[in-house]
Amino acid sequence: MTTKELLYIEDALGHAQFYQSKFNETASQLQDPELRTLAEDMAKKHRQIFDSFYNLL
């Protein structure tokens, strides 16, 4: 893998972690169960994205 490709993966990992934490934070503050579930699902999706990029290494 080239240096540029590794930097891209590093950025993607950082973004996925950031969005996962923000969706988890948002879910914990939501009162509406439907919206809370949606935010939790989005957090899970970003965890899957993180895992996919991490497995490239």
PDB file of N, CA and C in Angstrom:
ATOM      1  N   MET A   1       0.844  -1.171   0.000  1.00  0.00           N
ATOM      2  CA  MET A   1       0.000   0.000   0.000  1.00  0.00           C
ATOM      3  C   MET A   1       0.896   1.243   0.000  1.00  0.00           C
ATOM      4  N   THR A   2       0.478   2.223  -0.754  1.00  0.00           N
ATOM      5  CA  THR A   2       1.274   3.443  -0.818  1.00  0.00           C
ATOM      6  C   THR A   2       1.004   4.309   0.409  1.00  0.00           C
ATOM      7  N   THR A   3       1.871   5.282   0.617  1.00  0.00           N
ATOM      8  CA  THR A   3       1.702   6.223   1.726  1.00  0.00           C
ATOM      9  C   THR A   3       0.393   6.981   1.585  1.00  0.00           C
ATOM     10  N   LYS A   4       0.072   7.379   0.387  1.00  0.00           N
ATOM     11  CA  LYS A   4      -1.170   8.109   0.152  1.00  0.00           C
ATOM     12  C   LYS A   4      -2.392   7.260   0.490  1.00  0.00           C
ATOM     13  N   GLU A   5      -2.361   5.994   0.116  1.00  0.00           N
ATOM     14  CA  GLU A   5      -3.468   5.101   0.438  1.00  0.00           C
ATOM     15  C   GLU A   5      -3.614   4.912   1.953  1.00  0.00           C
ATOM     16  N   LEU A   6      -2.501   4.769   2.644  1.00  0.00           N
ATOM     17  CA  LEU A   6      -2.536   4.629   4.099  1.00  0.00           C
ATOM     18  C   LEU A   6      -3.084   5.887   4.766  1.00  0.00           C
ATOM     19  N   LEU A   7      -2.728   7.042   4.248  1.00  0.00           N
ATOM     20  CA  LEU A   7      -3.258   8.301   4.786  1.00  0.00           C
ATOM     21  C   LEU A   7      -4.762   8.399   4.567  1.00  0.00           C
ATOM     22  N   TYR A   8      -5.226   7.924   3.424  1.00  0.00           N
ATOM     23  CA  TYR A   8      -6.656   7.920   3.148  1.00  0.00           C
ATOM     24  C   TYR A   8      -7.393   7.027   4.145  1.00  0.00           C
ATOM     25  N   ILE A   9      -6.847   5.848   4.375  1.00  0.00           N
ATOM     26  CA  ILE A   9      -7.478   4.927   5.325  1.00  0.00           C
ATOM     27  C   ILE A   9      -7.461   5.517   6.734  1.00  0.00           C
ATOM     28  N   GLU A  10      -6.363   6.150   7.101  1.00  0.00           N
ATOM     29  CA  GLU A  10      -6.288   6.803   8.421  1.00  0.00           C
ATOM     30  C   GLU A  10      -7.367   7.876   8.564  1.00  0.00           C
ATOM     31  N   ASP A  11      -7.545   8.685   7.538  1.00  0.00           N
ATOM     32  CA  ASP A  11      -8.597   9.713   7.555  1.00  0.00           C
ATOM     33  C   ASP A  11      -9.982   9.074   7.646  1.00  0.00           C
ATOM     34  N   ALA A  12     -10.204   8.030   6.874  1.00  0.00           N
ATOM     35  CA  ALA A  12     -11.502   7.351   6.877  1.00  0.00           C
ATOM     36  C   ALA A  12     -11.794   6.753   8.254  1.00  0.00           C
ATOM     37  N   LEU A  13     -10.782   6.162   8.888  1.00  0.00           N
ATOM     38  CA  LEU A  13     -10.955   5.613  10.237  1.00  0.00           C
ATOM     39  C   LEU A  13     -11.338   6.714  11.222  1.00  0.00           C
ATOM     40  N   GLY A  14     -10.657   7.852  11.123  1.00  0.00           N
ATOM     41  CA  GLY A  14     -10.952   8.978  12.007  1.00  0.00           C
ATOM     42  C   GLY A  14     -12.361   9.506  11.818  1.00  0.00           C
ATOM     43  N   HIS A  15     -12.780   9.621  10.573  1.00  0.00           N
ATOM     44  CA  HIS A  15     -14.131  10.106  10.296  1.00  0.00           C
ATOM     45  C   HIS A  15     -15.191   9.133  10.811  1.00  0.00           C
ATOM     46  N   ALA A  16     -14.973   7.857  10.586  1.00  0.00           N
ATOM     47  CA  ALA A  16     -15.940   6.856  11.036  1.00  0.00           C
ATOM     48  C   ALA A  16     -16.054   6.863  12.561  1.00  0.00           C
ATOM     49  N   GLN A  17     -14.927   6.993  13.256  1.00  0.00           N
ATOM     50  CA  GLN A  17     -14.959   7.060  14.720  1.00  0.00           C
ATOM     51  C   GLN A  17     -15.687   8.306  15.196  1.00  0.00           C
ATOM     52  N   PHE A  18     -15.424   9.424  14.548  1.00  0.00           N
ATOM     53  CA  PHE A  18     -16.062  10.682  14.922  1.00  0.00           C
ATOM     54  C   PHE A  18     -17.580  10.582  14.773  1.00  0.00           C
ATOM     55  N   TYR A  19     -18.036  10.102  13.627  1.00  0.00           N
ATOM     56  CA  TYR A  19     -19.481  10.005  13.394  1.00  0.00           C
ATOM     57  C   TYR A  19     -20.138   8.987  14.315  1.00  0.00           C
ATOM     58  N   GLN A  20     -19.439   7.893  14.584  1.00  0.00           N
ATOM     59  CA  GLN A  20     -19.990   6.904  15.508  1.00  0.00           C
ATOM     60  C   GLN A  20     -20.191   7.529  16.887  1.00  0.00           C
ATOM     61  N   SER A  21     -19.204   8.268  17.366  1.00  0.00           N
ATOM     62  CA  SER A  21     -19.336   8.872  18.693  1.00  0.00           C
ATOM     63  C   SER A  21     -20.422   9.943  18.715  1.00  0.00           C
ATOM     64  N   LYS A  22     -20.548  10.713  17.655  1.00  0.00           N
ATOM     65  CA  LYS A  22     -21.578  11.752  17.610  1.00  0.00           C
ATOM     66  C   LYS A  22     -22.980  11.155  17.559  1.00  0.00           C
ATOM     67  N   PHE A  23     -23.161  10.086  16.783  1.00  0.00           N
ATOM     68  CA  PHE A  23     -24.470   9.441  16.744  1.00  0.00           C
ATOM     69  C   PHE A  23     -24.814   8.791  18.080  1.00  0.00           C
ATOM     70  N   ASN A  24     -23.825   8.186  18.748  1.00  0.00           N
ATOM     71  CA  ASN A  24     -24.074   7.622  20.077  1.00  0.00           C
ATOM     72  C   ASN A  24     -24.438   8.712  21.075  1.00  0.00           C
ATOM     73  N   GLU A  25     -23.732   9.823  21.019  1.00  0.00           N
ATOM     74  CA  GLU A  25     -24.017  10.957  21.906  1.00  0.00           C
ATOM     75  C   GLU A  25     -25.423  11.493  21.655  1.00  0.00           C
ATOM     76  N   THR A  26     -25.769  11.635  20.398  1.00  0.00           N
ATOM     77  CA  THR A  26     -27.096  12.130  20.037  1.00  0.00           C
ATOM     78  C   THR A  26     -28.179  11.164  20.483  1.00  0.00           C
ATOM     79  N   ALA A  27     -27.958   9.874  20.264  1.00  0.00           N
ATOM     80  CA  ALA A  27     -28.951   8.866  20.649  1.00  0.00           C
ATOM     81  C   ALA A  27     -29.229   8.924  22.145  1.00  0.00           C
ATOM     82  N   SER A  28     -28.199   9.157  22.932  1.00  0.00           N
ATOM     83  CA  SER A  28     -28.383   9.186  24.388  1.00  0.00           C
ATOM     84  C   SER A  28     -29.197  10.394  24.849  1.00  0.00           C
ATOM     85  N   GLN A  29     -29.302  11.402  24.003  1.00  0.00           N
ATOM     86  CA  GLN A  29     -30.024  12.617  24.373  1.00  0.00           C
ATOM     87  C   GLN A  29     -31.438  12.673  23.799  1.00  0.00           C
ATOM     88  N   LEU A  30     -31.759  11.776  22.889  1.00  0.00           N
ATOM     89  CA  LEU A  30     -33.065  11.807  22.240  1.00  0.00           C
ATOM     90  C   LEU A  30     -34.135  11.162  23.113  1.00  0.00           C
ATOM     91  N   GLN A  31     -35.305  11.766  23.140  1.00  0.00           N
ATOM     92  CA  GLN A  31     -36.446  11.220  23.876  1.00  0.00           C
ATOM     93  C   GLN A  31     -37.327  10.351  22.992  1.00  0.00           C
ATOM     94  N   ASP A  32     -37.430  10.712  21.735  1.00  0.00           N
ATOM     95  CA  ASP A  32     -38.272   9.973  20.787  1.00  0.00           C
ATOM     96  C   ASP A  32     -37.621   8.613  20.481  1.00  0.00           C
ATOM     97  N   PRO A  33     -38.308   7.522  20.794  1.00  0.00           N
ATOM     98  CA  PRO A  33     -37.711   6.190  20.594  1.00  0.00           C
ATOM     99  C   PRO A  33     -37.348   5.890  19.135  1.00  0.00           C
ATOM    100  N   GLU A  34     -38.164   6.361  18.214  1.00  0.00           N
ATOM    101  CA  GLU A  34     -37.890   6.113  16.796  1.00  0.00           C
ATOM    102  C   GLU A  34     -36.614   6.836  16.353  1.00  0.00           C
ATOM    103  N   LEU A  35     -36.463   8.086  16.766  1.00  0.00           N
ATOM    104  CA  LEU A  35     -35.261   8.841  16.413  1.00  0.00           C
ATOM    105  C   LEU A  35     -34.031   8.268  17.116  1.00  0.00           C
ATOM    106  N   ARG A  36     -34.205   7.847  18.376  1.00  0.00           N
ATOM    107  CA  ARG A  36     -33.099   7.254  19.120  1.00  0.00           C
ATOM    108  C   ARG A  36     -32.610   5.988  18.409  1.00  0.00           C
ATOM    109  N   THR A  37     -33.550   5.162  17.963  1.00  0.00           N
ATOM    110  CA  THR A  37     -33.186   3.940  17.242  1.00  0.00           C
ATOM    111  C   THR A  37     -32.464   4.271  15.942  1.00  0.00           C
ATOM    112  N   LEU A  38     -32.935   5.281  15.249  1.00  0.00           N
ATOM    113  CA  LEU A  38     -32.284   5.698  14.007  1.00  0.00           C
ATOM    114  C   LEU A  38     -30.844   6.132  14.270  1.00  0.00           C
ATOM    115  N   ALA A  39     -30.633   6.937  15.303  1.00  0.00           N
ATOM    116  CA  ALA A  39     -29.283   7.396  15.637  1.00  0.00           C
ATOM    117  C   ALA A  39     -28.401   6.218  16.054  1.00  0.00           C
ATOM    118  N   GLU A  40     -28.951   5.287  16.810  1.00  0.00           N
ATOM    119  CA  GLU A  40     -28.188   4.101  17.206  1.00  0.00           C
ATOM    120  C   GLU A  40     -27.813   3.256  15.990  1.00  0.00           C
ATOM    121  N   ASP A  41     -28.731   3.131  15.050  1.00  0.00           N
ATOM    122  CA  ASP A  41     -28.451   2.387  13.821  1.00  0.00           C
ATOM    123  C   ASP A  41     -27.345   3.053  13.006  1.00  0.00           C
ATOM    124  N   MET A  42     -27.370   4.378  12.977  1.00  0.00           N
ATOM    125  CA  MET A  42     -26.322   5.105  12.250  1.00  0.00           C
ATOM    126  C   MET A  42     -24.965   4.917  12.934  1.00  0.00           C
ATOM    127  N   ALA A  43     -24.951   4.899  14.248  1.00  0.00           N
ATOM    128  CA  ALA A  43     -23.703   4.654  14.983  1.00  0.00           C
ATOM    129  C   ALA A  43     -23.167   3.265  14.651  1.00  0.00           C
ATOM    130  N   LYS A  44     -24.045   2.277  14.601  1.00  0.00           N
ATOM    131  CA  LYS A  44     -23.637   0.915  14.253  1.00  0.00           C
ATOM    132  C   LYS A  44     -23.081   0.854  12.833  1.00  0.00           C
ATOM    133  N   LYS A  45     -23.731   1.578  11.927  1.00  0.00           N
ATOM    134  CA  LYS A  45     -23.282   1.596  10.531  1.00  0.00           C
ATOM    135  C   LYS A  45     -21.872   2.177  10.430  1.00  0.00           C
ATOM    136  N   HIS A  46     -21.612   3.235  11.180  1.00  0.00           N
ATOM    137  CA  HIS A  46     -20.275   3.837  11.137  1.00  0.00           C
ATOM    138  C   HIS A  46     -19.249   2.929  11.811  1.00  0.00           C
ATOM    139  N   ARG A  47     -19.666   2.133  12.777  1.00  0.00           N
ATOM    140  CA  ARG A  47     -18.756   1.138  13.368  1.00  0.00           C
ATOM    141  C   ARG A  47     -18.408   0.087  12.317  1.00  0.00           C
ATOM    142  N   GLN A  48     -19.394  -0.325  11.515  1.00  0.00           N
ATOM    143  CA  GLN A  48     -19.142  -1.292  10.454  1.00  0.00           C
ATOM    144  C   GLN A  48     -18.185  -0.709   9.407  1.00  0.00           C
ATOM    145  N   ILE A  49     -18.368   0.558   9.095  1.00  0.00           N
ATOM    146  CA  ILE A  49     -17.474   1.232   8.139  1.00  0.00           C
ATOM    147  C   ILE A  49     -16.055   1.256   8.699  1.00  0.00           C
ATOM    148  N   PHE A  50     -15.929   1.600   9.998  1.00  0.00           N
ATOM    149  CA  PHE A  50     -14.621   1.612  10.649  1.00  0.00           C
ATOM    150  C   PHE A  50     -13.977   0.231  10.543  1.00  0.00           C
ATOM    151  N   ASP A  51     -14.733  -0.811  10.885  1.00  0.00           N
ATOM    152  CA  ASP A  51     -14.209  -2.170  10.848  1.00  0.00           C
ATOM    153  C   ASP A  51     -13.776  -2.563   9.441  1.00  0.00           C
ATOM    154  N   SER A  52     -14.538  -2.149   8.442  1.00  0.00           N
ATOM    155  CA  SER A  52     -14.187  -2.470   7.056  1.00  0.00           C
ATOM    156  C   SER A  52     -12.865  -1.838   6.655  1.00  0.00           C
ATOM    157  N   PHE A  53     -12.689  -0.561   6.990  1.00  0.00           N
ATOM    158  CA  PHE A  53     -11.419   0.104   6.674  1.00  0.00           C
ATOM    159  C   PHE A  53     -10.280  -0.497   7.477  1.00  0.00           C
ATOM    160  N   TYR A  54     -10.527  -0.792   8.751  1.00  0.00           N
ATOM    161  CA  TYR A  54      -9.478  -1.353   9.607  1.00  0.00           C
ATOM    162  C   TYR A  54      -9.009  -2.703   9.068  1.00  0.00           C
ATOM    163  N   ASN A  55      -9.946  -3.480   8.544  1.00  0.00           N
ATOM    164  CA  ASN A  55      -9.583  -4.795   8.009  1.00  0.00           C
ATOM    165  C   ASN A  55      -8.743  -4.697   6.737  1.00  0.00           C
ATOM    166  N   LEU A  56      -8.711  -3.553   6.112  1.00  0.00           N
ATOM    167  CA  LEU A  56      -7.853  -3.375   4.947  1.00  0.00           C
ATOM    168  C   LEU A  56      -6.377  -3.384   5.345  1.00  0.00           C
ATOM    169  N   LEU A  57      -6.136  -3.045   6.595  1.00  0.00           N
ATOM    170  CA  LEU A  57      -4.756  -3.028   7.074  1.00  0.00           C
ATOM    171  C   LEU A  57      -4.348  -4.422   7.414  1.00  0.00           C
TER     172      LEU A  57
END
